[in-house]
Amino acid sequence: MVDRIEKDIIDLLLVPSTATLTSVMRELGVTNVFMHRVEPLCSGMKMAGPAFTLRYIPARQDLGTSVIDNLRDVQRIGIEEIAPGQVLVIDARGDTRAGTMGAILATRIYQRGAVGVVTDGAFRDSPVIAEIGLPAYAVAMNANTNKTIHHPSEIQVPIACGGVAVVPNDIIVGDGEGVVVVPASMAEKVAEMAIAMEEKEDFLMEKIRAGESIVGVYPPDEKIIEEYEEWKIKKANQELVK
């Protein structure tokens, strides 16, 4: 289970967009955190939670690829070990020739309390997975079963997904644009900075929508920054009245 302090940070990370999170991490010196081509199965998906990782290697007959044993198959073991609040992240090497998971296993991790599943490969039963209630992100859809292309190798090890390094317990945040990886050691700082950045951008957006030029506004000059500070105070006072 995610402890209370971590859950508070995760709740904060659900507020800003993945675009804002990538901007904040760039300021902190960390780039290449947004997964390439990994997209939500349907609109309205939002998730955040520690990564539970699964790594696939290419299937090969002598590796027992065709055998499904729930007590020995690494994928099946992982399905039964994932904890509430976690996000299953699957390294499929970007290979979309077969699904990495189907609806039954996706339903199982949803019932176990997982808050999302991500793969840089494909899902099978994708229309059903999209309706389970579990945020799901993938590169493609493919009805072929995973064993035809993928062999589950390891769980809870560092992996690559969508061209991004994922270490177990990194915080995985997904929204309508895609998936970003927030290093666990930076999660609290990133959350605080991202919320502050979005508040400022809300103010700047008001200016642009009112017809102002980007000159002096984006990025803001000293005059706009002073206006922003006044705007924050006014907003805080209005919230106190509520």
Protein backbone atom coordinates (compact mmCIF):
# COMPACT_ATOMS: atom_id res chain seq x y z
CA MET A 1 0.00 0.00 0.00
CA VAL A 2 1.06 3.59 -0.63
CA ASP A 3 1.60 5.25 2.75
CA ARG A 4 -0.20 8.46 3.71
CA ILE A 5 2.65 10.87 2.98
CA GLU A 6 3.27 9.39 -0.46
CA LYS A 7 -0.46 9.42 -1.22
CA ASP A 8 -0.63 13.13 -0.46
CA ILE A 9 2.18 13.79 -2.94
CA ILE A 10 0.54 11.56 -5.55
CA ASP A 11 -2.74 13.46 -5.15
CA LEU A 12 -0.85 16.70 -5.83
CA LEU A 13 0.70 15.21 -8.98
CA LEU A 14 -2.79 14.54 -10.33
CA VAL A 15 -3.48 18.28 -10.46
CA PRO A 16 -0.99 19.59 -13.08
CA SER A 17 -0.79 18.42 -16.67
CA THR A 18 1.95 16.12 -17.92
CA ALA A 19 3.15 19.07 -20.00
CA THR A 20 3.67 21.12 -16.85
CA LEU A 21 5.42 18.23 -15.13
CA THR A 22 7.89 17.87 -17.99
CA SER A 23 8.60 21.61 -17.85
CA VAL A 24 9.26 21.48 -14.12
CA MET A 25 11.60 18.51 -14.40
CA ARG A 26 13.48 20.26 -17.19
CA GLU A 27 14.04 23.17 -14.78
CA LEU A 28 15.38 20.65 -12.29
CA GLY A 29 17.77 19.21 -14.88
CA VAL A 30 15.91 16.01 -15.76
CA THR A 31 14.74 15.50 -19.35
CA ASN A 32 13.48 12.54 -21.41
CA VAL A 33 10.67 11.72 -19.02
CA PHE A 34 7.65 11.74 -21.38
CA MET A 35 6.89 8.40 -23.03
CA HIS A 36 7.06 8.52 -26.82
CA ARG A 37 3.91 7.40 -28.72
CA VAL A 38 2.27 5.99 -25.57
CA GLU A 39 -1.32 7.28 -25.56
CA PRO A 40 -4.54 6.75 -23.55
CA LEU A 41 -6.98 4.18 -24.88
CA CYS A 42 -9.77 6.74 -24.57
CA SER A 43 -10.32 10.33 -23.51
CA GLY A 44 -10.68 11.41 -19.90
CA MET A 45 -8.05 9.08 -18.47
CA LYS A 46 -6.00 10.33 -15.53
CA MET A 47 -3.71 8.40 -13.18
CA ALA A 48 -0.79 8.71 -10.79
CA GLY A 49 0.96 6.04 -8.75
CA PRO A 50 4.23 4.23 -8.08
CA ALA A 51 5.51 2.02 -10.88
CA PHE A 52 5.33 -1.76 -10.69
CA THR A 53 7.49 -2.88 -13.59
CA LEU A 54 7.31 -5.88 -15.93
CA ARG A 55 9.94 -6.56 -18.58
CA TYR A 56 9.35 -8.63 -21.70
CA ILE A 57 12.05 -10.07 -23.95
CA PRO A 58 11.42 -11.59 -27.40
CA ALA A 59 9.59 -14.93 -27.31
CA ARG A 60 11.58 -18.08 -28.03
CA GLN A 61 10.22 -21.62 -28.00
CA ASP A 62 12.84 -23.08 -25.64
CA LEU A 63 11.99 -20.44 -23.03
CA GLY A 64 8.61 -22.06 -22.47
CA THR A 65 6.87 -19.19 -24.18
CA SER A 66 3.79 -21.22 -25.09
CA VAL A 67 3.23 -22.52 -21.56
CA ILE A 68 0.96 -20.58 -19.17
CA ASP A 69 1.62 -21.47 -15.54
CA ASN A 70 0.14 -19.00 -13.08
CA LEU A 71 2.67 -20.07 -10.41
CA ARG A 72 5.75 -19.72 -12.63
CA ASP A 73 4.89 -17.26 -15.37
CA VAL A 74 6.53 -13.96 -14.45
CA GLN A 75 3.65 -11.93 -15.86
CA ARG A 76 1.07 -13.89 -13.87
CA ILE A 77 3.16 -13.63 -10.70
CA GLY A 78 3.36 -9.88 -11.17
CA ILE A 79 -0.40 -9.63 -11.65
CA GLU A 80 -0.91 -11.21 -8.23
CA GLU A 81 1.78 -9.08 -6.55
CA ILE A 82 0.81 -5.60 -7.71
CA ALA A 83 -0.41 -3.52 -4.78
CA PRO A 84 -3.25 -1.02 -4.45
CA GLY A 85 -2.28 2.39 -5.78
CA GLN A 86 0.42 1.12 -8.13
CA VAL A 87 0.68 1.47 -11.92
CA LEU A 88 1.76 -1.56 -13.95
CA VAL A 89 4.39 -0.45 -16.48
CA ILE A 90 5.30 -2.96 -19.22
CA ASP A 91 8.51 -2.88 -21.25
CA ALA A 92 7.52 -4.35 -24.60
CA ARG A 93 10.55 -2.97 -26.48
CA GLY A 94 8.17 -0.92 -28.61
CA ASP A 95 7.02 -4.10 -30.35
CA THR A 96 3.32 -3.91 -31.23
CA ARG A 97 2.96 -7.22 -33.10
CA ALA A 98 1.06 -8.76 -30.18
CA GLY A 99 -0.84 -7.56 -27.15
CA THR A 100 1.02 -7.34 -23.86
CA MET A 101 -2.14 -7.88 -21.81
CA GLY A 102 -5.81 -8.64 -22.34
CA ALA A 103 -9.02 -7.69 -20.60
CA ILE A 104 -9.08 -10.49 -18.00
CA LEU A 105 -5.64 -9.68 -16.59
CA ALA A 106 -6.37 -5.95 -16.77
CA THR A 107 -9.55 -6.56 -14.79
CA ARG A 108 -7.60 -8.56 -12.23
CA ILE A 109 -5.11 -5.76 -11.52
CA TYR A 110 -8.00 -3.30 -11.39
CA GLN A 111 -9.66 -5.48 -8.76
CA ARG A 112 -6.38 -5.59 -6.85
CA GLY A 113 -6.44 -1.80 -6.65
CA ALA A 114 -4.01 -0.84 -9.41
CA VAL A 115 -4.63 2.68 -10.67
CA GLY A 116 -3.29 2.25 -14.20
CA VAL A 117 -1.45 0.14 -16.76
CA VAL A 118 1.06 1.35 -19.33
CA THR A 119 2.85 -0.40 -22.18
CA ASP A 120 5.03 0.73 -25.07
CA GLY A 121 3.57 -2.20 -26.99
CA ALA A 122 -0.07 -3.04 -27.64
CA PHE A 123 -3.11 -4.26 -25.71
CA ARG A 124 -5.51 -6.92 -26.91
CA ASP A 125 -9.19 -6.65 -25.97
CA SER A 126 -8.51 -2.91 -26.06
CA PRO A 127 -12.17 -1.80 -26.34
CA VAL A 128 -13.01 -3.84 -23.24
CA ILE A 129 -10.00 -2.57 -21.29
CA ALA A 130 -11.03 0.99 -22.13
CA GLU A 131 -14.36 0.38 -20.35
CA ILE A 132 -13.04 -1.34 -17.20
CA GLY A 133 -12.41 1.91 -15.36
CA LEU A 134 -8.65 1.38 -15.29
CA PRO A 135 -6.60 4.12 -17.00
CA ALA A 136 -4.71 2.33 -19.77
CA TYR A 137 -2.01 3.64 -22.10
CA ALA A 138 -0.41 1.93 -25.09
CA VAL A 139 1.17 2.51 -28.49
CA ALA A 140 -1.28 0.32 -30.41
CA MET A 141 -3.97 -2.37 -30.37
CA ASN A 142 -3.31 -5.95 -31.46
CA ALA A 143 -5.48 -9.03 -30.99
CA ASN A 144 -2.54 -11.49 -31.02
CA THR A 145 -1.81 -13.03 -27.64
CA ASN A 146 1.37 -11.86 -25.92
CA LYS A 147 3.09 -15.27 -26.02
CA THR A 148 3.42 -15.13 -29.80
CA ILE A 149 5.92 -12.26 -29.57
CA HIS A 150 6.76 -11.57 -25.92
CA HIS A 151 8.30 -13.60 -23.10
CA PRO A 152 7.84 -12.21 -19.56
CA SER A 153 11.33 -11.98 -18.09
CA GLU A 154 11.43 -9.94 -14.87
CA ILE A 155 9.29 -7.87 -12.52
CA GLN A 156 10.27 -4.94 -10.33
CA VAL A 157 13.52 -4.13 -12.15
CA PRO A 158 14.51 -0.97 -14.03
CA ILE A 159 12.98 -1.02 -17.51
CA ALA A 160 12.49 1.15 -20.58
CA CYS A 161 9.00 2.17 -21.68
CA GLY A 162 8.32 4.56 -24.53
CA GLY A 163 12.00 5.45 -24.64
CA VAL A 164 12.03 6.48 -20.96
CA ALA A 165 13.79 4.83 -18.02
CA VAL A 166 11.39 3.56 -15.37
CA VAL A 167 12.63 2.45 -11.95
CA PRO A 168 10.27 0.61 -9.58
CA ASN A 169 8.40 3.14 -7.41
CA ASP A 170 8.97 6.05 -9.78
CA ILE A 171 5.71 7.96 -9.92
CA ILE A 172 3.86 7.40 -13.19
CA VAL A 173 1.48 10.21 -14.13
CA GLY A 174 -0.90 9.97 -17.06
CA ASP A 175 -3.45 12.33 -18.56
CA GLY A 176 -5.12 12.92 -21.92
CA GLU A 177 -1.79 13.77 -23.55
CA GLY A 178 0.23 10.77 -22.40
CA VAL A 179 2.50 9.48 -19.63
CA VAL A 180 5.34 11.11 -17.73
CA VAL A 181 7.77 9.48 -15.27
CA VAL A 182 8.58 11.42 -12.10
CA PRO A 183 11.63 10.09 -10.20
CA ALA A 184 10.50 9.11 -6.71
CA SER A 185 13.22 11.19 -5.06
CA MET A 186 11.92 14.31 -6.79
CA ALA A 187 8.18 13.72 -6.51
CA GLU A 188 7.41 16.16 -3.71
CA LYS A 189 9.49 18.98 -5.19
CA VAL A 190 8.06 18.41 -8.66
CA ALA A 191 4.48 18.42 -7.35
CA GLU A 192 4.94 21.69 -5.47
CA MET A 193 6.67 23.42 -8.38
CA ALA A 194 4.15 22.14 -10.94
CA ILE A 195 1.14 23.40 -9.01
CA ALA A 196 2.79 26.80 -8.60
CA MET A 197 3.65 26.87 -12.33
CA GLU A 198 0.09 26.03 -13.36
CA GLU A 199 -1.32 28.74 -11.12
CA LYS A 200 0.96 31.29 -12.80
CA GLU A 201 0.06 29.97 -16.25
CA ASP A 202 -3.65 30.30 -15.41
CA PHE A 203 -3.02 33.98 -14.77
CA LEU A 204 -1.00 34.40 -17.96
CA MET A 205 -3.71 32.59 -19.95
CA GLU A 206 -6.25 35.09 -18.67
CA LYS A 207 -4.06 37.85 -20.08
CA ILE A 208 -3.72 36.18 -23.48
CA ARG A 209 -7.45 35.43 -23.68
CA ALA A 210 -8.10 39.09 -22.92
CA GLY A 211 -6.20 39.94 -26.08
CA GLU A 212 -2.77 40.90 -24.74
CA SER A 213 0.40 40.23 -26.72
CA ILE A 214 2.82 37.54 -25.63
CA VAL A 215 5.47 40.29 -25.45
CA GLY A 216 6.07 40.96 -21.77
CA VAL A 217 3.50 38.35 -20.78
CA TYR A 218 4.97 35.05 -21.89
CA PRO A 219 7.53 34.99 -20.40
CA PRO A 220 6.34 37.61 -17.90
CA ASP A 221 8.26 40.81 -17.33
CA GLU A 222 8.53 42.57 -13.95
CA LYS A 223 5.22 44.41 -14.42
CA ILE A 224 3.31 41.21 -15.14
CA ILE A 225 4.99 39.43 -12.24
CA GLU A 226 3.83 42.22 -9.90
CA GLU A 227 0.30 41.88 -11.29
CA TYR A 228 0.50 38.14 -10.77
CA GLU A 229 1.47 38.54 -7.10
CA GLU A 230 -1.50 40.88 -6.58
CA TRP A 231 -3.75 38.40 -8.41
CA LYS A 232 -2.61 35.60 -6.08
CA ILE A 233 -3.41 37.64 -2.98
CA LYS A 234 -6.85 38.54 -4.33
CA LYS A 235 -7.53 34.91 -5.21
CA ALA A 236 -6.44 33.71 -1.75
CA ASN A 237 -8.71 36.25 -0.07
CA GLN A 238 -11.66 35.14 -2.20
CA GLU A 239 -11.06 31.53 -1.20
CA LEU A 240 -10.96 32.52 2.49
CA VAL A 241 -14.34 34.17 2.14
CA LYS A 242 -15.77 30.94 0.76
